[in-house]
Amino acid sequence: MKTTTNLKKELPLIILIIAVFITSIYLYPKMPDQMPTHWNAKGEVDDYGSRFMGLFLMPIFLAGIYLLFQFLPKIMVYQKNFEQFKDHFYGFKVLLVLFFVTIYTATLLPNFNIDINMGYVMIPAISVLFFYIGIMLKHTKRNYFIGIRTPWTLADEGVWDKTHQLGSKLFKIMALIMVSSIFFIDQMMWFILVPVISLVLYLFLYSFLEYRKTKK
């Protein structure tokens, strides 16, 4: 019964990934030899690659990520902990697949003479993904694969919980900061890189200080 339920949940994602590959195969003879493969910080095309790269690189990467996420829970050390947040992890997996499908679709549009600034696609997509990460972190229990994994959160469950409660709030705030960059498209990368780097460093230091408190 459990296997059947899991298959029903995973089937839409599997079908969507297969559909992306079928689309790539169908479009292959119709696409130019050189396709846009890279966009600069302003969301403008600044590099081209082969037709194979343009059509299959992202679907292959998406399939690899999906398979990795299917495999990781099976080898987790804290299986009971994972059971407590597996539904939120599944939600993250759904959003991640949709994220890559959205970006992949946007990368194809220039080949149909549809001009699009990739920033207007990337910013909302990344913001939604990070906001959901904030939701998921609140429920994530100690494990070695998912969450804010510093030496001190992994060593102490109390430190893990405190760091993730704070991280949950900060990730949501960061997502709101990111989405605001849609009004400053030329400075988009600053609205993404600065909050991410600041957040990582702050939570790393916070977990260390919280761990020191437990030892005192």
Protein backbone atom coordinates (compact mmCIF):
# COMPACT_ATOMS: atom_id res chain seq x y z
CA MET A 1 0.00 0.00 0.00
CA LYS A 2 2.82 2.42 0.93
CA THR A 3 4.66 1.71 -2.36
CA THR A 4 1.47 2.31 -4.36
CA THR A 5 0.84 5.61 -2.58
CA ASN A 6 4.41 6.77 -3.20
CA LEU A 7 4.15 5.83 -6.88
CA LYS A 8 0.94 7.85 -7.25
CA LYS A 9 2.67 10.88 -5.74
CA GLU A 10 5.77 10.52 -7.87
CA LEU A 11 4.01 9.67 -11.14
CA PRO A 12 3.08 13.28 -12.09
CA LEU A 13 6.70 14.35 -11.61
CA ILE A 14 8.01 11.41 -13.64
CA ILE A 15 5.53 12.14 -16.44
CA LEU A 16 6.55 15.81 -16.45
CA ILE A 17 10.26 14.95 -16.71
CA ILE A 18 9.57 12.47 -19.51
CA ALA A 19 7.47 15.12 -21.29
CA VAL A 20 10.45 17.50 -21.17
CA PHE A 21 12.64 14.88 -22.87
CA ILE A 22 9.98 14.15 -25.48
CA THR A 23 9.71 17.89 -26.18
CA SER A 24 13.48 18.10 -26.62
CA ILE A 25 13.49 15.17 -29.04
CA TYR A 26 10.60 16.66 -31.02
CA LEU A 27 12.23 20.09 -31.25
CA TYR A 28 15.73 18.85 -32.07
CA PRO A 29 15.43 18.92 -35.89
CA LYS A 30 13.59 22.25 -35.76
CA MET A 31 16.15 24.17 -33.68
CA PRO A 32 19.17 26.12 -35.02
CA ASP A 33 22.67 24.64 -34.70
CA GLN A 34 23.55 27.29 -32.11
CA MET A 35 21.14 27.99 -29.25
CA PRO A 36 21.24 30.43 -26.29
CA THR A 37 22.82 28.66 -23.32
CA HIS A 38 23.85 31.47 -20.98
CA TRP A 39 22.41 34.77 -19.77
CA ASN A 40 24.30 37.62 -18.09
CA ALA A 41 23.45 39.40 -14.83
CA LYS A 42 20.99 41.62 -16.70
CA GLY A 43 19.08 38.61 -18.03
CA GLU A 44 20.36 39.01 -21.59
CA VAL A 45 21.76 36.23 -23.78
CA ASP A 46 25.56 36.39 -23.80
CA ASP A 47 26.61 32.94 -24.98
CA TYR A 48 25.50 30.18 -27.33
CA GLY A 49 26.04 26.44 -27.41
CA SER A 50 25.26 23.41 -29.51
CA ARG A 51 21.73 22.29 -30.23
CA PHE A 52 22.24 19.25 -28.00
CA MET A 53 23.31 21.41 -25.05
CA GLY A 54 20.45 23.84 -25.58
CA LEU A 55 17.84 21.09 -25.63
CA PHE A 56 19.15 18.30 -23.40
CA LEU A 57 21.54 19.72 -20.82
CA MET A 58 18.84 20.96 -18.45
CA PRO A 59 16.52 17.93 -18.84
CA ILE A 60 19.46 15.61 -18.07
CA PHE A 61 20.38 17.72 -15.04
CA LEU A 62 16.74 17.73 -13.89
CA ALA A 63 16.48 13.94 -14.19
CA GLY A 64 19.74 13.55 -12.26
CA ILE A 65 18.55 15.80 -9.43
CA TYR A 66 15.24 13.97 -9.24
CA LEU A 67 16.93 10.55 -9.04
CA LEU A 68 19.32 11.85 -6.39
CA PHE A 69 16.39 13.08 -4.30
CA GLN A 70 14.74 9.68 -4.66
CA PHE A 71 17.89 7.93 -3.49
CA LEU A 72 18.97 10.11 -0.56
CA PRO A 73 16.08 9.33 1.83
CA LYS A 74 16.83 5.60 1.50
CA ILE A 75 20.34 5.99 2.96
CA MET A 76 19.61 8.61 5.61
CA VAL A 77 21.02 7.91 9.05
CA TYR A 78 18.05 9.48 10.85
CA GLN A 79 15.20 7.71 9.09
CA LYS A 80 12.70 8.49 11.87
CA ASN A 81 13.57 12.17 11.64
CA PHE A 82 13.01 12.19 7.90
CA GLU A 83 9.56 10.67 8.36
CA GLN A 84 8.55 13.78 10.32
CA PHE A 85 9.17 16.15 7.40
CA LYS A 86 8.92 13.90 4.34
CA ASP A 87 5.75 15.66 3.11
CA HIS A 88 7.53 19.01 3.12
CA PHE A 89 10.49 17.41 1.36
CA TYR A 90 8.12 16.11 -1.32
CA GLY A 91 6.71 19.62 -1.72
CA PHE A 92 10.25 20.92 -2.23
CA LYS A 93 10.87 18.24 -4.84
CA VAL A 94 7.70 19.28 -6.72
CA LEU A 95 8.74 22.94 -6.67
CA LEU A 96 12.26 22.08 -7.80
CA VAL A 97 10.98 20.13 -10.81
CA LEU A 98 8.59 22.97 -11.70
CA PHE A 99 11.44 25.46 -11.28
CA PHE A 100 13.65 23.68 -13.82
CA VAL A 101 10.77 23.13 -16.24
CA THR A 102 9.94 26.85 -16.08
CA ILE A 103 13.55 27.89 -16.69
CA TYR A 104 13.90 25.33 -19.47
CA THR A 105 10.78 26.64 -21.20
CA ALA A 106 12.07 30.21 -20.93
CA THR A 107 15.41 29.24 -22.49
CA LEU A 108 13.60 27.93 -25.58
CA LEU A 109 11.58 31.07 -26.27
CA PRO A 110 14.38 33.05 -28.02
CA ASN A 111 14.53 30.27 -30.62
CA PHE A 112 10.94 31.13 -31.56
CA ASN A 113 11.76 34.83 -31.94
CA ILE A 114 10.20 35.63 -28.58
CA ASP A 115 12.38 38.16 -26.79
CA ILE A 116 12.42 37.67 -23.05
CA ASN A 117 14.58 39.01 -20.27
CA MET A 118 15.53 35.92 -18.27
CA GLY A 119 15.64 38.00 -15.10
CA TYR A 120 11.85 38.35 -15.13
CA VAL A 121 11.62 34.56 -15.08
CA MET A 122 14.49 33.76 -12.73
CA ILE A 123 13.62 36.26 -10.00
CA PRO A 124 10.05 35.04 -9.24
CA ALA A 125 11.08 31.38 -9.69
CA ILE A 126 14.03 31.61 -7.29
CA SER A 127 12.03 33.68 -4.80
CA VAL A 128 9.24 31.10 -4.62
CA LEU A 129 11.79 28.31 -4.21
CA PHE A 130 13.59 30.09 -1.35
CA PHE A 131 10.33 31.03 0.36
CA TYR A 132 9.29 27.38 0.38
CA ILE A 133 12.71 26.41 1.72
CA GLY A 134 11.90 28.75 4.61
CA ILE A 135 8.67 26.84 5.20
CA MET A 136 10.41 23.47 4.97
CA LEU A 137 13.24 24.41 7.35
CA LYS A 138 10.76 24.98 10.17
CA HIS A 139 9.82 21.30 10.01
CA THR A 140 13.17 19.78 9.07
CA LYS A 141 14.66 17.45 11.67
CA ARG A 142 18.32 16.56 12.11
CA ASN A 143 19.85 14.68 9.18
CA TYR A 144 23.00 14.75 7.07
CA PHE A 145 21.52 15.75 3.70
CA ILE A 146 18.80 18.40 4.02
CA GLY A 147 18.84 21.59 6.03
CA ILE A 148 21.42 23.89 7.64
CA ARG A 149 24.14 21.32 8.20
CA THR A 150 26.99 22.82 10.18
CA PRO A 151 29.23 20.81 12.54
CA TRP A 152 27.30 22.26 15.48
CA THR A 153 23.74 21.66 14.26
CA LEU A 154 24.65 18.06 13.48
CA ALA A 155 26.27 17.61 16.88
CA ASP A 156 23.35 18.91 18.96
CA GLU A 157 19.65 18.52 18.24
CA GLY A 158 18.75 21.62 20.25
CA VAL A 159 21.16 23.73 18.20
CA TRP A 160 19.70 22.20 15.04
CA ASP A 161 16.16 23.17 16.04
CA LYS A 162 17.06 26.74 17.04
CA THR A 163 19.11 27.35 13.91
CA HIS A 164 16.34 26.03 11.68
CA GLN A 165 13.63 28.05 13.36
CA LEU A 166 15.69 31.19 12.75
CA GLY A 167 16.68 30.03 9.27
CA SER A 168 13.02 29.51 8.39
CA LYS A 169 12.23 33.17 9.08
CA LEU A 170 15.37 34.48 7.38
CA PHE A 171 14.84 32.46 4.21
CA LYS A 172 11.33 33.90 3.85
CA ILE A 173 12.65 37.42 4.35
CA MET A 174 15.41 36.74 1.82
CA ALA A 175 12.83 35.56 -0.72
CA LEU A 176 10.93 38.84 -0.34
CA ILE A 177 14.14 40.82 -0.82
CA MET A 178 14.90 38.80 -3.94
CA VAL A 179 11.49 39.31 -5.51
CA SER A 180 11.80 43.06 -4.98
CA SER A 181 14.76 43.05 -7.37
CA ILE A 182 12.30 42.66 -10.25
CA PHE A 183 12.06 46.47 -10.08
CA PHE A 184 15.87 46.76 -10.30
CA ILE A 185 16.61 44.21 -12.98
CA ASP A 186 20.10 45.54 -13.75
CA GLN A 187 21.12 44.93 -10.12
CA MET A 188 19.41 41.54 -9.95
CA MET A 189 22.55 39.57 -9.01
CA TRP A 190 23.25 41.83 -6.03
CA PHE A 191 19.74 41.16 -4.69
CA ILE A 192 20.45 37.43 -4.91
CA LEU A 193 24.13 37.00 -4.04
CA VAL A 194 24.38 39.43 -1.12
CA PRO A 195 21.38 38.01 0.84
CA VAL A 196 22.43 34.40 0.17
CA ILE A 197 26.05 34.89 1.24
CA SER A 198 25.05 36.98 4.27
CA LEU A 199 22.46 34.41 5.34
CA VAL A 200 24.86 31.47 5.03
CA LEU A 201 27.57 33.21 7.05
CA TYR A 202 25.14 34.43 9.71
CA LEU A 203 23.52 31.02 10.28
CA PHE A 204 26.95 29.36 10.33
CA LEU A 205 28.09 31.75 13.09
CA TYR A 206 24.75 31.53 14.91
CA SER A 207 24.90 27.72 15.13
CA PHE A 208 28.46 27.93 16.48
CA LEU A 209 27.51 30.42 19.19
CA GLU A 210 24.44 28.40 20.17
CA TYR A 211 26.58 25.29 20.48
CA ARG A 212 29.03 27.13 22.73
CA LYS A 213 26.15 28.05 25.02
CA THR A 214 25.27 24.38 25.48
CA LYS A 215 28.84 23.60 26.52
CA LYS A 216 28.91 26.42 29.06
